[in-house]
Amino acid sequence: MKKKQVQSTVSDAVRELRVSLGESQQVFAYRIKSAIRSVARWESVRPPKGKTLALLERIARENGQPQLAKRFQDALVQELQVPEFSFTLDTRPRNDEEAFHVSLLLDILRTPAYSKTLRQEWLRLAAEPGRKRLKDIHELDRARAPFLAFTDDPKSLLVDLGKKS
């Protein structure tokens, strides 16, 4: 997504969130402890950044606006340049042969009549790919931990600016 599009999307999201809360710019500014001019600027020409995005994401989430929360979160991820961390399993079969095998595996797992040995063999065969998948999940969790901490408490982020020369 281009920078101009992101700005427009975030600015629109600020306005949509404020309107969905039924608040004027003044009341909204008071809620987020900011100036009215800042809110007006965020809605028109310059979207918010950093901790304000995290705050808006939290307000949207807490007020039942998950789509707006996602827009604020995406803007913050882009700004902070943190790795993508949405994790989805690719569980859809890619072809008829995979669909056939998936249906057989599901029958094995769902049907108690199959012998205990067959189920145990399936679990043994699935152990290694399962360990790899769990390792991938843990690595993603480690990569996203600082970002999640920042969105929960922006003041907790420690930034090493180095020594002054």
C-alpha atoms as a PDB file:
ATOM      1  CA  MET A   1       0.000   0.000   0.000  1.00  0.00           C
ATOM      2  CA  LYS A   2       1.332   3.429  -0.911  1.00  0.00           C
ATOM      3  CA  LYS A   3       2.116   6.001   1.777  1.00  0.00           C
ATOM      4  CA  LYS A   4      -0.646   8.371   0.615  1.00  0.00           C
ATOM      5  CA  GLN A   5      -3.208   5.541   0.730  1.00  0.00           C
ATOM      6  CA  VAL A   6      -2.101   4.549   4.244  1.00  0.00           C
ATOM      7  CA  GLN A   7      -2.399   8.169   5.407  1.00  0.00           C
ATOM      8  CA  SER A   8      -5.895   8.433   3.953  1.00  0.00           C
ATOM      9  CA  THR A   9      -6.941   5.087   5.437  1.00  0.00           C
ATOM     10  CA  VAL A  10      -5.676   5.999   8.905  1.00  0.00           C
ATOM     11  CA  SER A  11      -7.164   9.497   8.754  1.00  0.00           C
ATOM     12  CA  ASP A  12     -10.504   8.001   7.716  1.00  0.00           C
ATOM     13  CA  ALA A  13     -10.229   5.466  10.550  1.00  0.00           C
ATOM     14  CA  VAL A  14      -9.679   8.231  13.120  1.00  0.00           C
ATOM     15  CA  ARG A  15     -12.809  10.004  11.924  1.00  0.00           C
ATOM     16  CA  GLU A  16     -14.813   6.756  11.772  1.00  0.00           C
ATOM     17  CA  LEU A  17     -13.778   5.850  15.321  1.00  0.00           C
ATOM     18  CA  ARG A  18     -14.682   9.275  16.699  1.00  0.00           C
ATOM     19  CA  VAL A  19     -18.050   9.260  14.914  1.00  0.00           C
ATOM     20  CA  SER A  20     -18.812   5.687  16.038  1.00  0.00           C
ATOM     21  CA  LEU A  21     -18.246   6.830  19.628  1.00  0.00           C
ATOM     22  CA  GLY A  22     -20.664   9.712  19.024  1.00  0.00           C
ATOM     23  CA  GLU A  23     -18.064  12.271  20.065  1.00  0.00           C
ATOM     24  CA  SER A  24     -17.140  15.702  18.812  1.00  0.00           C
ATOM     25  CA  GLN A  25     -13.508  16.439  18.046  1.00  0.00           C
ATOM     26  CA  GLN A  26     -13.330  18.273  21.376  1.00  0.00           C
ATOM     27  CA  VAL A  27     -14.667  15.355  23.434  1.00  0.00           C
ATOM     28  CA  PHE A  28     -12.532  12.874  21.502  1.00  0.00           C
ATOM     29  CA  ALA A  29      -9.434  15.024  22.074  1.00  0.00           C
ATOM     30  CA  TYR A  30     -10.201  15.086  25.788  1.00  0.00           C
ATOM     31  CA  ARG A  31     -10.615  11.273  25.818  1.00  0.00           C
ATOM     32  CA  ILE A  32      -7.179  10.727  24.312  1.00  0.00           C
ATOM     33  CA  LYS A  33      -5.560  13.640  26.166  1.00  0.00           C
ATOM     34  CA  SER A  34      -4.683  15.554  23.035  1.00  0.00           C
ATOM     35  CA  ALA A  35      -5.364  18.923  21.433  1.00  0.00           C
ATOM     36  CA  ILE A  36      -8.425  19.484  19.260  1.00  0.00           C
ATOM     37  CA  ARG A  37      -6.112  20.710  16.493  1.00  0.00           C
ATOM     38  CA  SER A  38      -4.275  17.387  16.604  1.00  0.00           C
ATOM     39  CA  VAL A  39      -7.512  15.450  16.144  1.00  0.00           C
ATOM     40  CA  ALA A  40      -8.528  17.714  13.247  1.00  0.00           C
ATOM     41  CA  ARG A  41      -5.107  17.285  11.643  1.00  0.00           C
ATOM     42  CA  TRP A  42      -5.219  13.480  12.091  1.00  0.00           C
ATOM     43  CA  GLU A  43      -8.601  13.361  10.381  1.00  0.00           C
ATOM     44  CA  SER A  44      -7.558  15.491   7.437  1.00  0.00           C
ATOM     45  CA  VAL A  45      -3.906  15.873   6.493  1.00  0.00           C
ATOM     46  CA  ARG A  46      -1.530  14.027   8.816  1.00  0.00           C
ATOM     47  CA  PRO A  47      -2.479  10.744  10.492  1.00  0.00           C
ATOM     48  CA  PRO A  48      -1.331   9.978  14.040  1.00  0.00           C
ATOM     49  CA  LYS A  49       1.832   8.068  14.776  1.00  0.00           C
ATOM     50  CA  GLY A  50       3.402   5.860  17.429  1.00  0.00           C
ATOM     51  CA  LYS A  51       1.748   5.675  20.809  1.00  0.00           C
ATOM     52  CA  THR A  52      -1.338   7.495  19.521  1.00  0.00           C
ATOM     53  CA  LEU A  53      -1.906   4.706  16.977  1.00  0.00           C
ATOM     54  CA  ALA A  54      -1.551   2.161  19.796  1.00  0.00           C
ATOM     55  CA  LEU A  55      -4.037   4.104  21.910  1.00  0.00           C
ATOM     56  CA  LEU A  56      -6.533   4.398  19.037  1.00  0.00           C
ATOM     57  CA  GLU A  57      -6.167   0.682  18.318  1.00  0.00           C
ATOM     58  CA  ARG A  58      -6.999  -0.112  21.957  1.00  0.00           C
ATOM     59  CA  ILE A  59      -9.982   2.273  22.022  1.00  0.00           C
ATOM     60  CA  ALA A  60     -11.346   0.767  18.805  1.00  0.00           C
ATOM     61  CA  ARG A  61     -10.918  -2.787  20.098  1.00  0.00           C
ATOM     62  CA  GLU A  62     -12.528  -1.965  23.459  1.00  0.00           C
ATOM     63  CA  ASN A  63     -15.500  -0.349  21.700  1.00  0.00           C
ATOM     64  CA  GLY A  64     -16.293  -3.220  19.360  1.00  0.00           C
ATOM     65  CA  GLN A  65     -14.591  -1.842  16.248  1.00  0.00           C
ATOM     66  CA  PRO A  66     -12.173  -4.645  15.234  1.00  0.00           C
ATOM     67  CA  GLN A  67     -11.874  -3.411  11.619  1.00  0.00           C
ATOM     68  CA  LEU A  68     -10.742   0.026  12.773  1.00  0.00           C
ATOM     69  CA  ALA A  69      -8.436  -1.533  15.371  1.00  0.00           C
ATOM     70  CA  LYS A  70      -6.807  -3.547  12.573  1.00  0.00           C
ATOM     71  CA  ARG A  71      -6.245  -0.405  10.483  1.00  0.00           C
ATOM     72  CA  PHE A  72      -4.510   1.333  13.396  1.00  0.00           C
ATOM     73  CA  GLN A  73      -2.492  -1.782  14.156  1.00  0.00           C
ATOM     74  CA  ASP A  74      -1.409  -2.154  10.507  1.00  0.00           C
ATOM     75  CA  ALA A  75      -0.289   1.494  10.415  1.00  0.00           C
ATOM     76  CA  LEU A  76       1.725   1.011  13.605  1.00  0.00           C
ATOM     77  CA  VAL A  77       3.304  -2.192  12.296  1.00  0.00           C
ATOM     78  CA  GLN A  78       4.298  -0.354   9.127  1.00  0.00           C
ATOM     79  CA  GLU A  79       5.667   2.611  11.064  1.00  0.00           C
ATOM     80  CA  LEU A  80       7.687   0.475  13.480  1.00  0.00           C
ATOM     81  CA  GLN A  81       8.707  -1.922  10.722  1.00  0.00           C
ATOM     82  CA  VAL A  82       8.054  -4.963  12.885  1.00  0.00           C
ATOM     83  CA  PRO A  83       7.717  -8.332  11.194  1.00  0.00           C
ATOM     84  CA  GLU A  84       4.267  -9.507  10.195  1.00  0.00           C
ATOM     85  CA  PHE A  85       2.911 -11.771  12.878  1.00  0.00           C
ATOM     86  CA  SER A  86      -0.504 -12.835  11.785  1.00  0.00           C
ATOM     87  CA  PHE A  87      -0.400 -16.593  11.874  1.00  0.00           C
ATOM     88  CA  THR A  88      -2.832 -18.636   9.902  1.00  0.00           C
ATOM     89  CA  LEU A  89      -2.696 -22.302   9.159  1.00  0.00           C
ATOM     90  CA  ASP A  90      -2.995 -23.249   5.510  1.00  0.00           C
ATOM     91  CA  THR A  91      -5.484 -26.051   6.004  1.00  0.00           C
ATOM     92  CA  ARG A  92      -7.306 -26.000   2.694  1.00  0.00           C
ATOM     93  CA  PRO A  93      -6.373 -28.841   0.362  1.00  0.00           C
ATOM     94  CA  ARG A  94      -4.595 -27.582  -2.751  1.00  0.00           C
ATOM     95  CA  ASN A  95      -5.852 -30.332  -5.047  1.00  0.00           C
ATOM     96  CA  ASP A  96      -8.168 -33.369  -5.175  1.00  0.00           C
ATOM     97  CA  GLU A  97      -5.487 -35.780  -3.970  1.00  0.00           C
ATOM     98  CA  GLU A  98      -4.805 -33.678  -0.846  1.00  0.00           C
ATOM     99  CA  ALA A  99      -8.556 -33.362  -0.236  1.00  0.00           C
ATOM    100  CA  PHE A 100      -8.874 -37.142  -0.370  1.00  0.00           C
ATOM    101  CA  HIS A 101      -6.028 -37.662   2.126  1.00  0.00           C
ATOM    102  CA  VAL A 102      -7.324 -34.955   4.455  1.00  0.00           C
ATOM    103  CA  SER A 103     -10.743 -36.613   4.510  1.00  0.00           C
ATOM    104  CA  LEU A 104      -9.113 -39.969   5.358  1.00  0.00           C
ATOM    105  CA  LEU A 105      -7.122 -38.423   8.203  1.00  0.00           C
ATOM    106  CA  LEU A 106     -10.226 -36.762   9.565  1.00  0.00           C
ATOM    107  CA  ASP A 107     -12.052 -40.101   9.460  1.00  0.00           C
ATOM    108  CA  ILE A 108      -9.217 -41.698  11.443  1.00  0.00           C
ATOM    109  CA  LEU A 109      -9.255 -38.957  14.051  1.00  0.00           C
ATOM    110  CA  ARG A 110     -13.039 -38.709  14.347  1.00  0.00           C
ATOM    111  CA  THR A 111     -14.035 -42.374  14.316  1.00  0.00           C
ATOM    112  CA  PRO A 112     -13.531 -44.244  17.582  1.00  0.00           C
ATOM    113  CA  ALA A 113     -14.009 -47.560  15.780  1.00  0.00           C
ATOM    114  CA  TYR A 114     -10.572 -47.298  14.200  1.00  0.00           C
ATOM    115  CA  SER A 115      -8.006 -49.247  16.086  1.00  0.00           C
ATOM    116  CA  LYS A 116      -5.951 -47.583  18.775  1.00  0.00           C
ATOM    117  CA  THR A 117      -2.825 -48.594  16.856  1.00  0.00           C
ATOM    118  CA  LEU A 118      -3.867 -46.688  13.740  1.00  0.00           C
ATOM    119  CA  ARG A 119      -4.539 -43.531  15.760  1.00  0.00           C
ATOM    120  CA  GLN A 120      -1.208 -43.860  17.596  1.00  0.00           C
ATOM    121  CA  GLU A 121       0.641 -44.326  14.310  1.00  0.00           C
ATOM    122  CA  TRP A 122      -0.987 -41.193  12.907  1.00  0.00           C
ATOM    123  CA  LEU A 123       0.017 -39.201  15.994  1.00  0.00           C
ATOM    124  CA  ARG A 124       3.599 -40.533  15.696  1.00  0.00           C
ATOM    125  CA  LEU A 125       3.767 -39.526  12.034  1.00  0.00           C
ATOM    126  CA  ALA A 126       2.348 -36.079  12.772  1.00  0.00           C
ATOM    127  CA  ALA A 127       4.748 -35.379  15.649  1.00  0.00           C
ATOM    128  CA  GLU A 128       7.649 -33.983  13.601  1.00  0.00           C
ATOM    129  CA  PRO A 129       5.610 -31.597  11.417  1.00  0.00           C
ATOM    130  CA  GLY A 130       3.736 -30.604  14.571  1.00  0.00           C
ATOM    131  CA  ARG A 131       6.995 -29.757  16.377  1.00  0.00           C
ATOM    132  CA  LYS A 132       8.110 -27.656  13.414  1.00  0.00           C
ATOM    133  CA  ARG A 133       4.787 -25.790  13.351  1.00  0.00           C
ATOM    134  CA  LEU A 134       5.014 -25.111  17.107  1.00  0.00           C
ATOM    135  CA  LYS A 135       8.594 -23.857  16.679  1.00  0.00           C
ATOM    136  CA  ASP A 136       7.372 -21.431  13.980  1.00  0.00           C
ATOM    137  CA  ILE A 137       4.607 -20.213  16.298  1.00  0.00           C
ATOM    138  CA  HIS A 138       7.081 -19.646  19.154  1.00  0.00           C
ATOM    139  CA  GLU A 139       9.448 -17.706  16.865  1.00  0.00           C
ATOM    140  CA  LEU A 140       6.574 -15.469  15.735  1.00  0.00           C
ATOM    141  CA  ASP A 141       5.572 -14.927  19.365  1.00  0.00           C
ATOM    142  CA  ARG A 142       9.129 -13.823  20.215  1.00  0.00           C
ATOM    143  CA  ALA A 143       9.237 -11.460  17.232  1.00  0.00           C
ATOM    144  CA  ARG A 144       5.948  -9.827  18.083  1.00  0.00           C
ATOM    145  CA  ALA A 145       6.414  -9.604  21.881  1.00  0.00           C
ATOM    146  CA  PRO A 146       7.960  -6.089  21.881  1.00  0.00           C
ATOM    147  CA  PHE A 147       5.198  -4.810  19.602  1.00  0.00           C
ATOM    148  CA  LEU A 148       2.448  -6.303  21.773  1.00  0.00           C
ATOM    149  CA  ALA A 149       4.061  -4.840  24.893  1.00  0.00           C
ATOM    150  CA  PHE A 150       4.163  -1.453  23.176  1.00  0.00           C
ATOM    151  CA  THR A 151       0.486  -1.565  22.220  1.00  0.00           C
ATOM    152  CA  ASP A 152      -0.464  -2.502  25.797  1.00  0.00           C
ATOM    153  CA  ASP A 153       1.815   0.080  27.435  1.00  0.00           C
ATOM    154  CA  PRO A 154       3.650   2.439  25.046  1.00  0.00           C
ATOM    155  CA  LYS A 155       5.796   3.766  27.898  1.00  0.00           C
ATOM    156  CA  SER A 156       7.261   0.287  28.478  1.00  0.00           C
ATOM    157  CA  LEU A 157       9.204   0.299  25.211  1.00  0.00           C
ATOM    158  CA  LEU A 158      12.885   0.779  25.880  1.00  0.00           C
ATOM    159  CA  VAL A 159      14.766   2.426  23.060  1.00  0.00           C
ATOM    160  CA  ASP A 160      18.545   2.546  23.046  1.00  0.00           C
ATOM    161  CA  LEU A 161      19.489   5.783  21.373  1.00  0.00           C
ATOM    162  CA  GLY A 162      23.196   5.198  21.944  1.00  0.00           C
ATOM    163  CA  LYS A 163      25.718   7.599  23.425  1.00  0.00           C
ATOM    164  CA  LYS A 164      25.734  11.220  22.525  1.00  0.00           C
ATOM    165  CA  SER A 165      28.870  12.196  20.669  1.00  0.00           C
END
